[in-house]
Protein backbone atom coordinates (compact mmCIF):
# COMPACT_ATOMS: atom_id res chain seq x y z
CA UNK A 1 0.00 0.00 0.00
CA UNK A 2 1.34 3.43 -0.89
CA UNK A 3 0.78 6.76 0.84
CA UNK A 4 -2.01 7.83 -1.52
CA UNK A 5 -4.12 4.76 -0.80
CA UNK A 6 -3.38 4.95 2.93
CA UNK A 7 -4.58 8.58 3.05
CA UNK A 8 -7.78 7.71 1.20
CA UNK A 9 -8.41 4.68 3.43
CA UNK A 10 -7.77 6.73 6.58
CA UNK A 11 -10.03 9.57 5.42
CA UNK A 12 -12.82 7.17 4.50
CA UNK A 13 -12.55 5.41 7.84
CA UNK A 14 -12.64 8.69 9.75
CA UNK A 15 -15.74 9.80 7.84
CA UNK A 16 -17.58 6.55 8.53
CA UNK A 17 -16.59 6.60 12.20
CA UNK A 18 -17.73 10.19 12.63
CA UNK A 19 -21.06 9.42 10.93
CA UNK A 20 -21.61 6.49 13.28
CA UNK A 21 -20.69 8.60 16.32
CA UNK A 22 -23.05 11.36 15.16
CA UNK A 23 -25.87 8.84 14.82
CA UNK A 24 -25.21 7.22 18.19
CA UNK A 25 -24.14 10.12 20.41
CA UNK A 26 -24.18 13.70 19.14
CA UNK A 27 -24.53 15.53 15.82
CA UNK A 28 -21.43 17.54 16.77
CA UNK A 29 -19.38 14.56 15.53
CA UNK A 30 -20.28 15.74 12.02
CA UNK A 31 -17.68 18.46 12.54
CA UNK A 32 -15.06 15.72 12.22
CA UNK A 33 -16.56 14.77 8.86
CA UNK A 34 -16.37 18.41 7.77
CA UNK A 35 -12.74 18.66 8.93
CA UNK A 36 -11.74 15.55 6.97
CA UNK A 37 -13.51 16.83 3.86
CA UNK A 38 -11.87 20.25 4.10
CA UNK A 39 -8.46 18.64 4.64
CA UNK A 40 -8.92 16.49 1.53
CA UNK A 41 -9.97 19.54 -0.48
CA UNK A 42 -7.00 21.66 0.58
CA UNK A 43 -4.63 18.72 -0.02
CA UNK A 44 -5.93 18.45 -3.58
CA UNK A 45 -4.88 22.04 -4.25
CA UNK A 46 -1.76 22.41 -2.12
CA UNK A 47 -0.31 18.90 -1.97
CA UNK A 48 0.16 19.30 1.80
CA UNK A 49 -1.38 16.55 3.91
CA UNK A 50 -0.37 15.86 7.52
CA UNK A 51 -1.55 12.24 7.25
CA UNK A 52 0.70 11.70 4.21
CA UNK A 53 3.68 13.02 6.17
CA UNK A 54 2.93 10.66 9.06
CA UNK A 55 2.45 7.64 6.77
CA UNK A 56 5.72 8.53 5.03
CA UNK A 57 7.55 8.48 8.36
CA UNK A 58 6.19 4.97 8.91
CA UNK A 59 8.01 3.93 5.74
CA UNK A 60 5.16 3.65 3.25
CA UNK A 61 6.06 3.99 -0.39
CA UNK A 62 5.26 7.16 -2.26
CA UNK A 63 2.31 7.42 -4.59
CA UNK A 64 1.93 9.94 -7.37
CA UNK A 65 -0.10 12.47 -5.33
CA UNK A 66 2.22 13.00 -2.36
CA UNK A 67 5.73 12.85 -3.82
CA UNK A 68 8.51 14.64 -2.08
CA UNK A 69 9.65 17.65 -4.05
């Protein structure tokens, strides 16, 4: 698995978890969904993604989206 796929898997998991938490506990958990969505949107334009940096430090291979300059 490369960094690109790991970021997408992590973002998808966080969205599903926050939706479940919002359904079970409080609608304020939807703020986590909004945060993940905004982070994905800014990463698409800037190429900066904190999750990609963390996954890179764990030794995952680079994908085409988050290459080191």
